[in-house]
Amino acid sequence: EFFVARDEQGRILGVTRIMPSDIESPGHPTPV
């Protein structure tokens, strides 16, 4: 899921995503 920071006018200021660890990720595997 994502968390989105917005200003008073609703403009997106920032974003982050959280997800379960994934040791199978092809780009950025979670270290053992």
PDB file of all heavy atoms in Angstrom:
ATOM      1  N   GLU A   1       0.852  -1.182   0.000  1.00  0.00           N
ATOM      2  CA  GLU A   1       0.000   0.000   0.000  1.00  0.00           C
ATOM      3  C   GLU A   1       0.889   1.232   0.000  1.00  0.00           C
ATOM      4  O   GLU A   1       2.084   1.145   0.284  1.00  0.00           O
ATOM      5  CB  GLU A   1      -0.910  -0.010   1.225  1.00  0.00           C
ATOM      6  CG  GLU A   1      -0.155  -0.079   2.542  1.00  0.00           C
ATOM      7  CD  GLU A   1      -1.052  -0.365   3.729  1.00  0.00           C
ATOM      8  OE1 GLU A   1      -1.767   0.550   4.154  1.00  0.00           O
ATOM      9  OE2 GLU A   1      -1.015  -1.509   4.228  1.00  0.00           O
ATOM     10  N   PHE A   2       0.304   2.372  -0.327  1.00  0.00           N
ATOM     11  CA  PHE A   2       1.039   3.622  -0.382  1.00  0.00           C
ATOM     12  C   PHE A   2       0.575   4.573   0.704  1.00  0.00           C
ATOM     13  O   PHE A   2      -0.580   4.534   1.137  1.00  0.00           O
ATOM     14  CB  PHE A   2       0.815   4.316  -1.734  1.00  0.00           C
ATOM     15  CG  PHE A   2       1.635   3.744  -2.847  1.00  0.00           C
ATOM     16  CD1 PHE A   2       1.154   2.690  -3.607  1.00  0.00           C
ATOM     17  CD2 PHE A   2       2.879   4.266  -3.153  1.00  0.00           C
ATOM     18  CE1 PHE A   2       1.895   2.164  -4.643  1.00  0.00           C
ATOM     19  CE2 PHE A   2       3.632   3.749  -4.178  1.00  0.00           C
ATOM     20  CZ  PHE A   2       3.147   2.695  -4.929  1.00  0.00           C
ATOM     21  N   PHE A   3       1.478   5.448   1.116  1.00  0.00           N
ATOM     22  CA  PHE A   3       1.144   6.623   1.906  1.00  0.00           C
ATOM     23  C   PHE A   3       1.484   7.816   1.034  1.00  0.00           C
ATOM     24  O   PHE A   3       2.558   7.871   0.431  1.00  0.00           O
ATOM     25  CB  PHE A   3       1.927   6.666   3.215  1.00  0.00           C
ATOM     26  CG  PHE A   3       1.527   5.575   4.161  1.00  0.00           C
ATOM     27  CD1 PHE A   3       2.321   4.466   4.343  1.00  0.00           C
ATOM     28  CD2 PHE A   3       0.325   5.661   4.850  1.00  0.00           C
ATOM     29  CE1 PHE A   3       1.941   3.452   5.198  1.00  0.00           C
ATOM     30  CE2 PHE A   3      -0.064   4.640   5.716  1.00  0.00           C
ATOM     31  CZ  PHE A   3       0.743   3.544   5.885  1.00  0.00           C
ATOM     32  N   VAL A   4       0.550   8.775   0.955  1.00  0.00           N
ATOM     33  CA  VAL A   4       0.716   9.933   0.085  1.00  0.00           C
ATOM     34  C   VAL A   4       0.555  11.197   0.913  1.00  0.00           C
ATOM     35  O   VAL A   4      -0.468  11.391   1.569  1.00  0.00           O
ATOM     36  CB  VAL A   4      -0.333   9.918  -1.049  1.00  0.00           C
ATOM     37  CG1 VAL A   4      -0.131  11.106  -1.971  1.00  0.00           C
ATOM     38  CG2 VAL A   4      -0.254   8.617  -1.826  1.00  0.00           C
ATOM     39  N   ALA A   5       1.573  12.052   0.877  1.00  0.00           N
ATOM     40  CA  ALA A   5       1.510  13.348   1.551  1.00  0.00           C
ATOM     41  C   ALA A   5       0.971  14.370   0.560  1.00  0.00           C
ATOM     42  O   ALA A   5       1.443  14.448  -0.580  1.00  0.00           O
ATOM     43  CB  ALA A   5       2.895  13.760   2.037  1.00  0.00           C
ATOM     44  N   ARG A   6      -0.024  15.137   0.994  1.00  0.00           N
ATOM     45  CA  ARG A   6      -0.641  16.161   0.142  1.00  0.00           C
ATOM     46  C   ARG A   6      -0.697  17.481   0.898  1.00  0.00           C
ATOM     47  O   ARG A   6      -0.851  17.499   2.118  1.00  0.00           O
ATOM     48  CB  ARG A   6      -2.058  15.758  -0.236  1.00  0.00           C
ATOM     49  CG  ARG A   6      -2.148  14.498  -1.071  1.00  0.00           C
ATOM     50  CD  ARG A   6      -3.612  14.170  -1.407  1.00  0.00           C
ATOM     51  NE  ARG A   6      -3.737  12.903  -2.063  1.00  0.00           N
ATOM     52  CZ  ARG A   6      -3.623  12.720  -3.379  1.00  0.00           C
ATOM     53  NH1 ARG A   6      -3.385  13.735  -4.170  1.00  0.00           N
ATOM     54  NH2 ARG A   6      -3.753  11.518  -3.896  1.00  0.00           N
ATOM     55  N   ASP A   7      -0.635  18.575   0.141  1.00  0.00           N
ATOM     56  CA  ASP A   7      -0.812  19.883   0.758  1.00  0.00           C
ATOM     57  C   ASP A   7      -2.300  20.211   0.855  1.00  0.00           C
ATOM     58  O   ASP A   7      -3.152  19.385   0.489  1.00  0.00           O
ATOM     59  CB  ASP A   7      -0.030  20.966   0.011  1.00  0.00           C
ATOM     60  CG  ASP A   7      -0.526  21.241  -1.409  1.00  0.00           C
ATOM     61  OD1 ASP A   7      -1.640  20.792  -1.771  1.00  0.00           O
ATOM     62  OD2 ASP A   7       0.193  21.918  -2.155  1.00  0.00           O
ATOM     63  N   GLU A   8      -2.616  21.407   1.336  1.00  0.00           N
ATOM     64  CA  GLU A   8      -4.011  21.808   1.559  1.00  0.00           C
ATOM     65  C   GLU A   8      -4.835  21.822   0.272  1.00  0.00           C
ATOM     66  O   GLU A   8      -6.053  21.674   0.304  1.00  0.00           O
ATOM     67  CB  GLU A   8      -4.064  23.192   2.222  1.00  0.00           C
ATOM     68  CG  GLU A   8      -3.461  23.241   3.612  1.00  0.00           C
ATOM     69  CD  GLU A   8      -1.924  23.244   3.607  1.00  0.00           C
ATOM     70  OE1 GLU A   8      -1.295  23.684   2.609  1.00  0.00           O
ATOM     71  OE2 GLU A   8      -1.344  22.760   4.590  1.00  0.00           O
ATOM     72  N   GLN A   9      -4.179  22.008  -0.863  1.00  0.00           N
ATOM     73  CA  GLN A   9      -4.879  22.015  -2.154  1.00  0.00           C
ATOM     74  C   GLN A   9      -4.966  20.625  -2.790  1.00  0.00           C
ATOM     75  O   GLN A   9      -5.518  20.477  -3.878  1.00  0.00           O
ATOM     76  CB  GLN A   9      -4.180  22.973  -3.140  1.00  0.00           C
ATOM     77  CG  GLN A   9      -4.296  24.444  -2.779  1.00  0.00           C
ATOM     78  CD  GLN A   9      -3.366  24.846  -1.634  1.00  0.00           C
ATOM     79  OE1 GLN A   9      -2.234  24.388  -1.566  1.00  0.00           O
ATOM     80  NE2 GLN A   9      -3.854  25.676  -0.736  1.00  0.00           N
ATOM     81  N   GLY A  10      -4.423  19.629  -2.123  1.00  0.00           N
ATOM     82  CA  GLY A  10      -4.482  18.263  -2.635  1.00  0.00           C
ATOM     83  C   GLY A  10      -3.309  17.879  -3.509  1.00  0.00           C
ATOM     84  O   GLY A  10      -3.246  16.757  -4.012  1.00  0.00           O
ATOM     85  N   ARG A  11      -2.340  18.773  -3.710  1.00  0.00           N
ATOM     86  CA  ARG A  11      -1.160  18.481  -4.530  1.00  0.00           C
ATOM     87  C   ARG A  11      -0.280  17.464  -3.818  1.00  0.00           C
ATOM     88  O   ARG A  11      -0.046  17.558  -2.614  1.00  0.00           O
ATOM     89  CB  ARG A  11      -0.365  19.758  -4.783  1.00  0.00           C
ATOM     90  CG  ARG A  11       0.843  19.564  -5.665  1.00  0.00           C
ATOM     91  CD  ARG A  11       1.529  20.895  -5.952  1.00  0.00           C
ATOM     92  NE  ARG A  11       2.231  21.402  -4.811  1.00  0.00           N
ATOM     93  CZ  ARG A  11       3.560  21.326  -4.643  1.00  0.00           C
ATOM     94  NH1 ARG A  11       4.313  20.749  -5.557  1.00  0.00           N
ATOM     95  NH2 ARG A  11       4.125  21.818  -3.561  1.00  0.00           N
ATOM     96  N   ILE A  12       0.205  16.478  -4.553  1.00  0.00           N
ATOM     97  CA  ILE A  12       1.066  15.449  -3.982  1.00  0.00           C
ATOM     98  C   ILE A  12       2.438  16.034  -3.678  1.00  0.00           C
ATOM     99  O   ILE A  12       3.085  16.618  -4.547  1.00  0.00           O
ATOM    100  CB  ILE A  12       1.183  14.239  -4.915  1.00  0.00           C
ATOM    101  CG1 ILE A  12      -0.163  13.521  -4.988  1.00  0.00           C
ATOM    102  CG2 ILE A  12       2.276  13.287  -4.432  1.00  0.00           C
ATOM    103  CD1 ILE A  12      -0.166  12.300  -5.856  1.00  0.00           C
ATOM    104  N   LEU A  13       2.853  15.856  -2.428  1.00  0.00           N
ATOM    105  CA  LEU A  13       4.163  16.323  -1.978  1.00  0.00           C
ATOM    106  C   LEU A  13       5.162  15.177  -1.919  1.00  0.00           C
ATOM    107  O   LEU A  13       6.355  15.381  -2.142  1.00  0.00           O
ATOM    108  CB  LEU A  13       4.049  16.959  -0.596  1.00  0.00           C
ATOM    109  CG  LEU A  13       3.053  18.110  -0.457  1.00  0.00           C
ATOM    110  CD1 LEU A  13       2.934  18.537   1.001  1.00  0.00           C
ATOM    111  CD2 LEU A  13       3.462  19.276  -1.345  1.00  0.00           C
ATOM    112  N   GLY A  14       4.680  13.991  -1.603  1.00  0.00           N
ATOM    113  CA  GLY A  14       5.563  12.837  -1.489  1.00  0.00           C
ATOM    114  C   GLY A  14       4.778  11.553  -1.385  1.00  0.00           C
ATOM    115  O   GLY A  14       3.573  11.567  -1.114  1.00  0.00           O
ATOM    116  N   VAL A  15       5.477  10.459  -1.600  1.00  0.00           N
ATOM    117  CA  VAL A  15       4.864   9.134  -1.643  1.00  0.00           C
ATOM    118  C   VAL A  15       5.843   8.125  -1.048  1.00  0.00           C
ATOM    119  O   VAL A  15       7.057   8.254  -1.227  1.00  0.00           O
ATOM    120  CB  VAL A  15       4.561   8.730  -3.108  1.00  0.00           C
ATOM    121  CG1 VAL A  15       4.033   7.318  -3.195  1.00  0.00           C
ATOM    122  CG2 VAL A  15       3.627   9.699  -3.772  1.00  0.00           C
ATOM    123  N   THR A  16       5.329   7.134  -0.366  1.00  0.00           N
ATOM    124  CA  THR A  16       6.122   5.953  -0.038  1.00  0.00           C
ATOM    125  C   THR A  16       5.219   4.730  -0.107  1.00  0.00           C
ATOM    126  O   THR A  16       4.006   4.836   0.056  1.00  0.00           O
ATOM    127  CB  THR A  16       6.819   6.038   1.330  1.00  0.00           C
ATOM    128  OG1 THR A  16       7.767   4.965   1.418  1.00  0.00           O
ATOM    129  CG2 THR A  16       5.841   5.945   2.477  1.00  0.00           C
ATOM    130  N   ARG A  17       5.834   3.612  -0.348  1.00  0.00           N
ATOM    131  CA  ARG A  17       5.109   2.347  -0.449  1.00  0.00           C
ATOM    132  C   ARG A  17       5.645   1.397   0.606  1.00  0.00           C
ATOM    133  O   ARG A  17       6.850   1.354   0.857  1.00  0.00           O
ATOM    134  CB  ARG A  17       5.332   1.741  -1.840  1.00  0.00           C
ATOM    135  CG  ARG A  17       4.635   0.422  -2.065  1.00  0.00           C
ATOM    136  CD  ARG A  17       4.964  -0.065  -3.455  1.00  0.00           C
ATOM    137  NE  ARG A  17       4.279  -1.301  -3.786  1.00  0.00           N
ATOM    138  CZ  ARG A  17       4.430  -1.929  -4.938  1.00  0.00           C
ATOM    139  NH1 ARG A  17       5.238  -1.439  -5.865  1.00  0.00           N
ATOM    140  NH2 ARG A  17       3.776  -3.042  -5.180  1.00  0.00           N
ATOM    141  N   ILE A  18       4.752   0.654   1.210  1.00  0.00           N
ATOM    142  CA  ILE A  18       5.167  -0.428   2.094  1.00  0.00           C
ATOM    143  C   ILE A  18       4.658  -1.732   1.502  1.00  0.00           C
ATOM    144  O   ILE A  18       3.621  -1.765   0.845  1.00  0.00           O
ATOM    145  CB  ILE A  18       4.660  -0.244   3.536  1.00  0.00           C
ATOM    146  CG1 ILE A  18       3.137  -0.161   3.591  1.00  0.00           C
ATOM    147  CG2 ILE A  18       5.315   0.963   4.183  1.00  0.00           C
ATOM    148  CD1 ILE A  18       2.571  -0.200   4.998  1.00  0.00           C
ATOM    149  N   MET A  19       5.428  -2.787   1.732  1.00  0.00           N
ATOM    150  CA  MET A  19       5.044  -4.085   1.214  1.00  0.00           C
ATOM    151  C   MET A  19       5.765  -5.163   1.998  1.00  0.00           C
ATOM    152  O   MET A  19       6.743  -4.875   2.692  1.00  0.00           O
ATOM    153  CB  MET A  19       5.353  -4.185  -0.276  1.00  0.00           C
ATOM    154  CG  MET A  19       6.787  -3.942  -0.641  1.00  0.00           C
ATOM    155  SD  MET A  19       7.072  -3.752  -2.409  1.00  0.00           S
ATOM    156  CE  MET A  19       6.811  -5.399  -2.980  1.00  0.00           C
ATOM    157  N   PRO A  20       5.284  -6.380   1.897  1.00  0.00           N
ATOM    158  CA  PRO A  20       5.999  -7.470   2.575  1.00  0.00           C
ATOM    159  C   PRO A  20       7.402  -7.613   1.993  1.00  0.00           C
ATOM    160  O   PRO A  20       7.636  -7.308   0.824  1.00  0.00           O
ATOM    161  CB  PRO A  20       5.157  -8.713   2.253  1.00  0.00           C
ATOM    162  CG  PRO A  20       3.865  -8.205   1.731  1.00  0.00           C
ATOM    163  CD  PRO A  20       4.110  -6.847   1.180  1.00  0.00           C
ATOM    164  N   SER A  21       8.342  -8.053   2.817  1.00  0.00           N
ATOM    165  CA  SER A  21       9.683  -8.327   2.306  1.00  0.00           C
ATOM    166  C   SER A  21       9.599  -9.384   1.230  1.00  0.00           C
ATOM    167  O   SER A  21       8.753 -10.269   1.278  1.00  0.00           O
ATOM    168  CB  SER A  21      10.601  -8.800   3.434  1.00  0.00           C
ATOM    169  OG  SER A  21      10.896  -7.736   4.288  1.00  0.00           O
ATOM    170  N   ASP A  22      10.492  -9.288   0.269  1.00  0.00           N
ATOM    171  CA  ASP A  22      10.444 -10.196  -0.868  1.00  0.00           C
ATOM    172  C   ASP A  22      11.858 -10.619  -1.237  1.00  0.00           C
ATOM    173  O   ASP A  22      12.560  -9.891  -1.938  1.00  0.00           O
ATOM    174  CB  ASP A  22       9.760  -9.513  -2.051  1.00  0.00           C
ATOM    175  CG  ASP A  22       9.662 -10.402  -3.278  1.00  0.00           C
ATOM    176  OD1 ASP A  22      10.029 -11.589  -3.191  1.00  0.00           O
ATOM    177  OD2 ASP A  22       9.228  -9.908  -4.313  1.00  0.00           O
ATOM    178  N   ILE A  23      12.283 -11.775  -0.750  1.00  0.00           N
ATOM    179  CA  ILE A  23      13.624 -12.232  -1.074  1.00  0.00           C
ATOM    180  C   ILE A  23      13.733 -12.662  -2.538  1.00  0.00           C
ATOM    181  O   ILE A  23      14.813 -12.902  -3.034  1.00  0.00           O
ATOM    182  CB  ILE A  23      14.085 -13.366  -0.135  1.00  0.00           C
ATOM    183  CG1 ILE A  23      13.136 -14.549  -0.193  1.00  0.00           C
ATOM    184  CG2 ILE A  23      14.245 -12.872   1.285  1.00  0.00           C
ATOM    185  CD1 ILE A  23      13.605 -15.759   0.610  1.00  0.00           C
ATOM    186  N   GLU A  24      12.612 -12.700  -3.242  1.00  0.00           N
ATOM    187  CA  GLU A  24      12.616 -13.097  -4.648  1.00  0.00           C
ATOM    188  C   GLU A  24      12.605 -11.900  -5.602  1.00  0.00           C
ATOM    189  O   GLU A  24      12.598 -12.064  -6.806  1.00  0.00           O
ATOM    190  CB  GLU A  24      11.402 -13.980  -4.947  1.00  0.00           C
ATOM    191  CG  GLU A  24      11.311 -15.227  -4.079  1.00  0.00           C
ATOM    192  CD  GLU A  24      12.506 -16.149  -4.260  1.00  0.00           C
ATOM    193  OE1 GLU A  24      12.981 -16.310  -5.405  1.00  0.00           O
ATOM    194  OE2 GLU A  24      12.963 -16.697  -3.250  1.00  0.00           O
ATOM    195  N   SER A  25      12.585 -10.679  -5.091  1.00  0.00           N
ATOM    196  CA  SER A  25      12.519  -9.506  -5.944  1.00  0.00           C
ATOM    197  C   SER A  25      13.691  -9.482  -6.916  1.00  0.00           C
ATOM    198  O   SER A  25      14.842  -9.586  -6.501  1.00  0.00           O
ATOM    199  CB  SER A  25      12.547  -8.234  -5.095  1.00  0.00           C
ATOM    200  OG  SER A  25      12.698  -7.097  -5.904  1.00  0.00           O
ATOM    201  N   PRO A  26      13.433  -9.345  -8.227  1.00  0.00           N
ATOM    202  CA  PRO A  26      14.530  -9.361  -9.181  1.00  0.00           C
ATOM    203  C   PRO A  26      15.399  -8.109  -9.118  1.00  0.00           C
ATOM    204  O   PRO A  26      16.579  -8.149  -9.414  1.00  0.00           O
ATOM    205  CB  PRO A  26      13.822  -9.459 -10.539  1.00  0.00           C
ATOM    206  CG  PRO A  26      12.476  -8.882 -10.300  1.00  0.00           C
ATOM    207  CD  PRO A  26      12.130  -9.215  -8.873  1.00  0.00           C
ATOM    208  N   GLY A  27      14.820  -6.987  -8.701  1.00  0.00           N
ATOM    209  CA  GLY A  27      15.586  -5.742  -8.680  1.00  0.00           C
ATOM    210  C   GLY A  27      16.305  -5.503  -7.375  1.00  0.00           C
ATOM    211  O   GLY A  27      17.460  -5.107  -7.342  1.00  0.00           O
ATOM    212  N   HIS A  28      15.617  -5.727  -6.276  1.00  0.00           N
ATOM    213  CA  HIS A  28      16.165  -5.421  -4.960  1.00  0.00           C
ATOM    214  C   HIS A  28      15.742  -6.493  -3.971  1.00  0.00           C
ATOM    215  O   HIS A  28      14.832  -6.293  -3.179  1.00  0.00           O
ATOM    216  CB  HIS A  28      15.686  -4.049  -4.485  1.00  0.00           C
ATOM    217  CG  HIS A  28      16.030  -2.963  -5.436  1.00  0.00           C
ATOM    218  ND1 HIS A  28      17.296  -2.444  -5.534  1.00  0.00           N
ATOM    219  CD2 HIS A  28      15.286  -2.311  -6.355  1.00  0.00           C
ATOM    220  CE1 HIS A  28      17.320  -1.510  -6.461  1.00  0.00           C
ATOM    221  NE2 HIS A  28      16.108  -1.418  -6.981  1.00  0.00           N
ATOM    222  N   PRO A  29      16.400  -7.643  -3.997  1.00  0.00           N
ATOM    223  CA  PRO A  29      15.996  -8.714  -3.093  1.00  0.00           C
ATOM    224  C   PRO A  29      16.259  -8.335  -1.635  1.00  0.00           C
ATOM    225  O   PRO A  29      17.229  -7.655  -1.327  1.00  0.00           O
ATOM    226  CB  PRO A  29      16.867  -9.886  -3.523  1.00  0.00           C
ATOM    227  CG  PRO A  29      18.042  -9.270  -4.183  1.00  0.00           C
ATOM    228  CD  PRO A  29      17.541  -8.007  -4.823  1.00  0.00           C
ATOM    229  N   THR A  30      15.386  -8.773  -0.745  1.00  0.00           N
ATOM    230  CA  THR A  30      15.602  -8.597   0.682  1.00  0.00           C
ATOM    231  C   THR A  30      16.725  -9.538   1.101  1.00  0.00           C
ATOM    232  O   THR A  30      16.679 -10.722   0.801  1.00  0.00           O
ATOM    233  CB  THR A  30      14.318  -8.934   1.456  1.00  0.00           C
ATOM    234  OG1 THR A  30      13.267  -8.106   0.985  1.00  0.00           O
ATOM    235  CG2 THR A  30      14.515  -8.717   2.950  1.00  0.00           C
ATOM    236  N   PRO A  31      17.737  -9.035   1.798  1.00  0.00           N
ATOM    237  CA  PRO A  31      18.827  -9.924   2.225  1.00  0.00           C
ATOM    238  C   PRO A  31      18.327 -11.022   3.162  1.00  0.00           C
ATOM    239  O   PRO A  31      17.400 -10.804   3.942  1.00  0.00           O
ATOM    240  CB  PRO A  31      19.779  -8.990   2.975  1.00  0.00           C
ATOM    241  CG  PRO A  31      19.434  -7.627   2.518  1.00  0.00           C
ATOM    242  CD  PRO A  31      17.974  -7.645   2.186  1.00  0.00           C
ATOM    243  N   VAL A  32      18.954 -12.170   3.072  1.00  0.00           N
ATOM    244  CA  VAL A  32      18.653 -13.257   3.994  1.00  0.00           C
ATOM    245  C   VAL A  32      18.883 -12.721   5.406  1.00  0.00           C
ATOM    246  O   VAL A  32      19.841 -12.009   5.668  1.00  0.00           O
ATOM    247  CB  VAL A  32      19.551 -14.476   3.701  1.00  0.00           C
ATOM    248  CG1 VAL A  32      19.353 -15.553   4.753  1.00  0.00           C
ATOM    249  CG2 VAL A  32      19.253 -15.005   2.314  1.00  0.00           C
TER     250      VAL A  32
END
